[in-house]
């Protein structure tokens, strides 16, 4: 059914609605869009009047999607994504530009992706890749919002609209100073960490996996150093101040001088790496399909 222009939402309204839904507040949405808060509020009100439904429950403490807002959000995201892809396609057609792909990767897996991206640039026509390193939760949000085409993350908390293909397992390991008594061990039981100072990531999938395994082994996680990045964890481990709990992928490209990496067992804990994209509902994007299949084949082998 073709709607008259007077009943068609504008891109301005849809972008404001999407930003408020993603950030959970009009103030944060306005900052993300580089607009004033009244401008964002007005755009959302116009959209609600146009659709004849309240899209948000508003009170002084929070902004939450109504059932109608939840239903509209997915369609709004696809409209915006389709518009952006269409604009990019017009520019490619007019300027003979390289094909463009947006790829988001959890930091520990970037070394798995980088060689393939380098090869894509030699394809004919070449592929221009916008590459991001993001935490898993942010990766999922970007995929759902249509801001990236392909993501390399884990299997945790996958939304229903995300298609996931298993790539490989990434086991948990202990990282310690090479002079530590455990450094020569072929493996280490989680319960043997009971008397050791620990260093963990402050949040994310690895943090949750480590906490679960420590609890199962009866090892207290407090006090423990909680860090945002791997380099500080290596520094604490190298100096003997802590044993770091991390996944094997992080150690593949780390400078190993002064460090030992020992697998953890009892229980064996690993995260499952997955290649992710939006489940197909719209016409197939041949470039996304080609790059997706290439990554699956390269990383699995």
Protein backbone atom coordinates (compact mmCIF):
# COMPACT_ATOMS: atom_id res chain seq x y z
CA UNK A 1 0.00 0.00 0.00
CA UNK A 2 1.43 3.36 -1.06
CA UNK A 3 1.12 6.04 1.60
CA UNK A 4 0.71 9.69 0.70
CA UNK A 5 3.78 11.82 1.52
CA UNK A 6 1.91 13.45 4.41
CA UNK A 7 1.85 10.06 6.23
CA UNK A 8 5.45 9.06 5.52
CA UNK A 9 7.93 9.59 8.38
CA UNK A 10 10.99 11.66 7.62
CA UNK A 11 14.57 10.48 8.07
CA UNK A 12 14.98 13.17 10.74
CA UNK A 13 12.10 11.70 12.75
CA UNK A 14 13.30 8.11 12.37
CA UNK A 15 16.88 8.97 13.34
CA UNK A 16 15.68 10.79 16.45
CA UNK A 17 13.44 7.87 17.41
CA UNK A 18 16.24 5.33 16.88
CA UNK A 19 18.71 7.38 18.91
CA UNK A 20 16.35 7.77 21.88
CA UNK A 21 15.58 4.03 21.81
CA UNK A 22 19.25 3.16 21.72
CA UNK A 23 20.50 5.58 24.37
CA UNK A 24 17.48 5.47 26.68
CA UNK A 25 17.24 9.23 27.07
CA UNK A 26 16.48 12.31 25.01
CA UNK A 27 19.56 14.11 26.32
CA UNK A 28 21.95 11.33 25.31
CA UNK A 29 20.22 10.98 21.93
CA UNK A 30 20.60 14.72 21.30
CA UNK A 31 24.33 14.53 22.10
CA UNK A 32 24.78 11.55 19.77
CA UNK A 33 23.01 13.36 16.93
CA UNK A 34 24.64 16.74 17.64
CA UNK A 35 21.19 18.29 18.06
CA UNK A 36 19.42 20.10 20.86
CA UNK A 37 17.22 18.09 23.18
CA UNK A 38 14.09 20.07 22.20
CA UNK A 39 14.77 19.27 18.53
CA UNK A 40 14.96 15.53 19.27
CA UNK A 41 11.83 15.67 21.45
CA UNK A 42 9.93 17.50 18.72
CA UNK A 43 10.97 14.97 16.06
CA UNK A 44 9.79 12.05 18.21
CA UNK A 45 6.48 13.80 18.99
CA UNK A 46 5.92 14.40 15.26
CA UNK A 47 6.54 10.72 14.54
CA UNK A 48 4.13 9.64 17.28
CA UNK A 49 1.43 11.95 15.89
CA UNK A 50 2.07 10.68 12.37
CA UNK A 51 1.79 7.02 13.43
CA UNK A 52 -1.01 7.61 15.92
CA UNK A 53 0.75 5.77 18.73
CA UNK A 54 2.93 6.56 21.74
CA UNK A 55 6.39 5.12 21.13
CA UNK A 56 7.90 5.80 24.56
CA UNK A 57 6.82 5.70 28.19
CA UNK A 58 8.30 8.81 29.75
CA UNK A 59 8.82 9.70 33.40
CA UNK A 60 11.37 11.75 35.28
CA UNK A 61 13.82 8.89 35.63
CA UNK A 62 13.72 6.87 32.42
CA UNK A 63 12.51 6.55 28.87
CA UNK A 64 11.30 3.10 27.77
CA UNK A 65 9.81 1.78 24.56
CA UNK A 66 6.12 0.99 24.54
CA UNK A 67 4.96 -2.20 22.78
CA UNK A 68 4.19 -0.04 19.74
CA UNK A 69 7.65 1.49 19.93
CA UNK A 70 9.28 -1.93 20.04
CA UNK A 71 7.33 -2.99 16.95
CA UNK A 72 8.24 0.19 15.06
CA UNK A 73 11.94 0.20 16.03
CA UNK A 74 13.02 -2.76 13.89
CA UNK A 75 11.27 -1.35 10.83
CA UNK A 76 12.77 2.10 11.43
CA UNK A 77 16.25 0.60 11.65
CA UNK A 78 15.79 -1.21 8.36
CA UNK A 79 14.53 1.96 6.65
CA UNK A 80 17.58 3.90 7.84
CA UNK A 81 19.97 1.10 6.93
CA UNK A 82 18.43 0.79 3.48
CA UNK A 83 18.70 4.53 2.92
CA UNK A 84 22.38 4.57 3.90
CA UNK A 85 23.13 1.60 1.65
CA UNK A 86 21.25 3.21 -1.20
CA UNK A 87 23.15 6.48 -0.87
CA UNK A 88 26.45 4.58 -0.78
CA UNK A 89 25.39 2.67 -3.89
CA UNK A 90 24.62 5.88 -5.77
CA UNK A 91 28.03 7.27 -4.92
CA UNK A 92 29.71 4.07 -6.09
CA UNK A 93 27.79 4.14 -9.35
CA UNK A 94 28.68 7.77 -10.04
CA UNK A 95 32.29 7.71 -8.92
CA UNK A 96 33.27 4.07 -9.61
CA UNK A 97 34.17 3.73 -5.94
CA UNK A 98 35.23 0.54 -4.26
CA UNK A 99 32.53 -1.59 -2.73
CA UNK A 100 32.01 -0.70 0.93
CA UNK A 101 31.55 -3.02 3.90
CA UNK A 102 31.14 -2.21 7.59
CA UNK A 103 32.78 -4.77 9.88
CA UNK A 104 32.88 -4.87 13.71
CA UNK A 105 35.15 -7.24 15.63
CA UNK A 106 35.80 -7.96 19.32
CA UNK A 107 39.39 -6.79 20.01
CA UNK A 108 40.87 -10.22 20.71
CA UNK A 109 39.85 -11.51 17.27
CA UNK A 110 41.09 -8.62 15.12
CA UNK A 111 44.17 -10.59 14.04
CA UNK A 112 41.86 -13.23 12.54
CA UNK A 113 40.13 -10.66 10.36
CA UNK A 114 42.90 -8.27 9.30
CA UNK A 115 44.55 -10.60 6.72
CA UNK A 116 41.21 -11.16 4.98
CA UNK A 117 40.48 -7.43 4.85
CA UNK A 118 43.88 -6.91 3.21
CA UNK A 119 42.96 -9.51 0.56
CA UNK A 120 39.55 -7.90 -0.06
CA UNK A 121 41.29 -4.69 -1.06
CA UNK A 122 42.90 -6.61 -3.92
CA UNK A 123 39.59 -7.90 -5.26
CA UNK A 124 38.18 -6.38 -8.41
CA UNK A 125 36.50 -4.11 -7.66
CA UNK A 126 38.27 -3.63 -4.32
CA UNK A 127 36.36 -3.62 -1.04
CA UNK A 128 36.60 -0.52 1.13
CA UNK A 129 36.15 -1.74 4.73
CA UNK A 130 35.08 0.40 7.66
CA UNK A 131 36.58 -1.62 10.52
CA UNK A 132 35.68 -1.19 14.22
CA UNK A 133 36.95 -2.91 17.36
CA UNK A 134 34.11 -3.04 19.88
CA UNK A 135 32.99 -5.00 22.91
CA UNK A 136 30.46 -7.74 22.28
CA UNK A 137 27.43 -5.86 23.66
CA UNK A 138 28.22 -2.82 21.52
CA UNK A 139 28.73 -5.07 18.50
CA UNK A 140 25.25 -6.57 18.91
CA UNK A 141 23.69 -3.13 19.30
CA UNK A 142 25.41 -1.93 16.12
CA UNK A 143 24.22 -4.98 14.16
CA UNK A 144 20.63 -4.62 15.36
CA UNK A 145 20.69 -0.91 14.52
CA UNK A 146 21.99 -1.61 11.00
CA UNK A 147 25.22 0.29 11.67
CA UNK A 148 27.48 -2.62 10.67
CA UNK A 149 27.07 -5.38 8.09
CA UNK A 150 29.08 -8.19 9.70
CA UNK A 151 30.27 -8.75 13.26
CA UNK A 152 32.72 -11.19 14.82
CA UNK A 153 31.71 -11.78 18.42
CA UNK A 154 30.54 -14.54 20.75
CA UNK A 155 27.32 -16.50 21.16
CA UNK A 156 26.24 -14.69 24.35
CA UNK A 157 22.87 -12.90 24.43
CA UNK A 158 22.22 -13.07 20.69
CA UNK A 159 18.98 -11.32 19.66
CA UNK A 160 16.50 -13.30 17.59
CA UNK A 161 17.09 -11.11 14.53
CA UNK A 162 20.81 -11.99 14.38
CA UNK A 163 22.08 -14.88 12.25
CA UNK A 164 25.12 -16.59 13.80
CA UNK A 165 27.62 -19.07 12.35
CA UNK A 166 30.01 -20.89 14.69
CA UNK A 167 33.72 -20.35 13.94
CA UNK A 168 35.86 -21.81 16.72
CA UNK A 169 36.23 -22.22 20.48
CA UNK A 170 38.46 -19.87 22.47
CA UNK A 171 39.58 -21.47 25.78
CA UNK A 172 40.33 -19.58 28.98
CA UNK A 173 43.96 -19.46 30.14
CA UNK A 174 45.99 -18.09 33.05
CA UNK A 175 48.72 -15.53 32.31
CA UNK A 176 51.50 -15.13 34.85
CA UNK A 177 55.12 -14.11 35.31
CA UNK A 178 57.54 -16.63 33.79
CA UNK A 179 59.14 -16.99 37.26
CA UNK A 180 55.84 -17.97 38.92
CA UNK A 181 55.78 -21.52 40.40
CA UNK A 182 52.83 -22.36 38.13
CA UNK A 183 54.59 -21.18 34.95
CA UNK A 184 56.03 -24.60 34.05
CA UNK A 185 52.72 -26.42 34.47
CA UNK A 186 51.02 -27.95 31.41
CA UNK A 187 47.62 -27.01 32.86
CA UNK A 188 46.13 -25.49 35.98
CA UNK A 189 42.95 -26.25 37.89
CA UNK A 190 40.74 -23.29 38.67
CA UNK A 191 40.69 -24.20 42.36
CA UNK A 192 44.48 -23.78 42.50
CA UNK A 193 43.93 -20.05 42.04
CA UNK A 194 42.28 -19.79 45.47
CA UNK A 195 45.27 -18.15 47.18
CA UNK A 196 46.44 -16.15 44.17
CA UNK A 197 45.78 -12.47 43.44
CA UNK A 198 43.81 -12.28 40.22
CA UNK A 199 43.36 -9.83 37.37
CA UNK A 200 40.13 -9.95 35.35
CA UNK A 201 38.48 -7.85 32.71
CA UNK A 202 36.04 -5.41 34.29
CA UNK A 203 33.09 -6.41 32.12
CA UNK A 204 32.06 -8.37 29.07
CA UNK A 205 31.81 -12.02 28.10
CA UNK A 206 35.22 -13.04 29.45
CA UNK A 207 34.46 -11.45 32.81
CA UNK A 208 31.19 -13.37 33.10
CA UNK A 209 32.83 -16.65 32.08
CA UNK A 210 35.67 -16.16 34.56
CA UNK A 211 33.30 -15.33 37.42
CA UNK A 212 31.19 -18.41 36.70
CA UNK A 213 34.22 -20.72 36.65
CA UNK A 214 35.71 -19.21 39.80
CA UNK A 215 32.44 -19.64 41.67
CA UNK A 216 32.13 -23.24 40.46
CA UNK A 217 35.66 -23.96 41.74
CA UNK A 218 35.02 -22.21 45.05
CA UNK A 219 37.54 -19.44 44.34
CA UNK A 220 36.60 -15.96 45.61
CA UNK A 221 36.69 -13.32 42.88
CA UNK A 222 37.10 -10.51 45.40
CA UNK A 223 39.45 -8.87 45.81
CA UNK A 224 40.60 -8.96 42.18
CA UNK A 225 42.01 -6.36 39.87
CA UNK A 226 39.37 -5.41 37.30
CA UNK A 227 40.79 -3.95 34.13
CA UNK A 228 39.46 -2.57 30.86
CA UNK A 229 42.32 -3.56 28.55
CA UNK A 230 44.69 -6.48 28.09
CA UNK A 231 47.98 -4.55 28.34
CA UNK A 232 47.46 -3.56 32.00
CA UNK A 233 46.60 -7.20 32.74
CA UNK A 234 49.88 -8.31 31.14
CA UNK A 235 51.77 -5.70 33.14
CA UNK A 236 50.37 -6.94 36.45
CA UNK A 237 51.08 -10.55 35.48
CA UNK A 238 54.61 -9.83 34.25
CA UNK A 239 55.48 -8.03 37.51
CA UNK A 240 54.15 -10.89 39.64
CA UNK A 241 51.34 -8.82 41.13
CA UNK A 242 48.55 -11.04 39.81
CA UNK A 243 47.59 -13.99 37.64
CA UNK A 244 45.53 -12.79 34.70
CA UNK A 245 42.46 -14.69 33.52
CA UNK A 246 42.00 -14.22 29.79
CA UNK A 247 41.19 -16.16 26.62
CA UNK A 248 43.74 -17.86 24.38
CA UNK A 249 43.07 -15.52 21.47
CA UNK A 250 44.35 -12.55 23.46
CA UNK A 251 47.70 -14.29 23.89
CA UNK A 252 48.13 -15.21 20.20
CA UNK A 253 49.60 -11.84 19.32
CA UNK A 254 50.75 -10.62 22.75
CA UNK A 255 54.40 -9.98 23.48
CA UNK A 256 55.25 -13.03 25.56
CA UNK A 257 58.52 -11.85 27.06
CA UNK A 258 58.41 -12.39 30.82
CA UNK A 259 55.04 -14.16 30.66
CA UNK A 260 53.79 -17.73 30.77
CA UNK A 261 50.42 -18.89 29.47
CA UNK A 262 48.89 -21.97 31.13
CA UNK A 263 45.56 -23.58 30.10
CA UNK A 264 42.84 -23.74 32.78
CA UNK A 265 40.76 -26.87 33.46
CA UNK A 266 38.29 -28.43 35.88
CA UNK A 267 36.14 -26.96 34.52
CA UNK A 268 37.21 -26.44 30.93
CA UNK A 269 35.81 -23.03 30.03
CA UNK A 270 35.76 -21.47 26.61
CA UNK A 271 33.82 -18.89 24.67
CA UNK A 272 32.41 -19.69 21.24
CA UNK A 273 33.36 -17.26 18.50
CA UNK A 274 30.56 -16.54 16.05
CA UNK A 275 30.29 -14.63 12.79
CA UNK A 276 27.18 -12.48 12.94
CA UNK A 277 24.87 -10.56 10.63
CA UNK A 278 21.26 -9.53 10.47
CA UNK A 279 18.88 -12.36 9.60
CA UNK A 280 17.74 -12.00 6.01
CA UNK A 281 14.48 -10.14 5.51
CA UNK A 282 15.36 -7.82 2.67
CA UNK A 283 17.01 -8.32 -0.73
CA UNK A 284 20.35 -10.13 -0.45
CA UNK A 285 23.51 -8.00 -0.37
CA UNK A 286 25.98 -9.90 -2.56
CA UNK A 287 29.03 -8.17 -1.09
CA UNK A 288 28.03 -8.99 2.49
CA UNK A 289 27.40 -12.60 1.49
CA UNK A 290 30.76 -12.90 -0.26
CA UNK A 291 32.76 -11.41 2.61
CA UNK A 292 30.78 -13.36 5.22
CA UNK A 293 31.47 -16.68 3.48
CA UNK A 294 35.14 -15.78 2.99
CA UNK A 295 35.57 -15.10 6.73
CA UNK A 296 33.83 -18.34 7.71
CA UNK A 297 36.12 -20.38 5.48
CA UNK A 298 39.32 -18.56 6.53
CA UNK A 299 38.77 -18.56 10.30
CA UNK A 300 37.48 -22.14 10.52
CA UNK A 301 40.55 -23.55 8.77
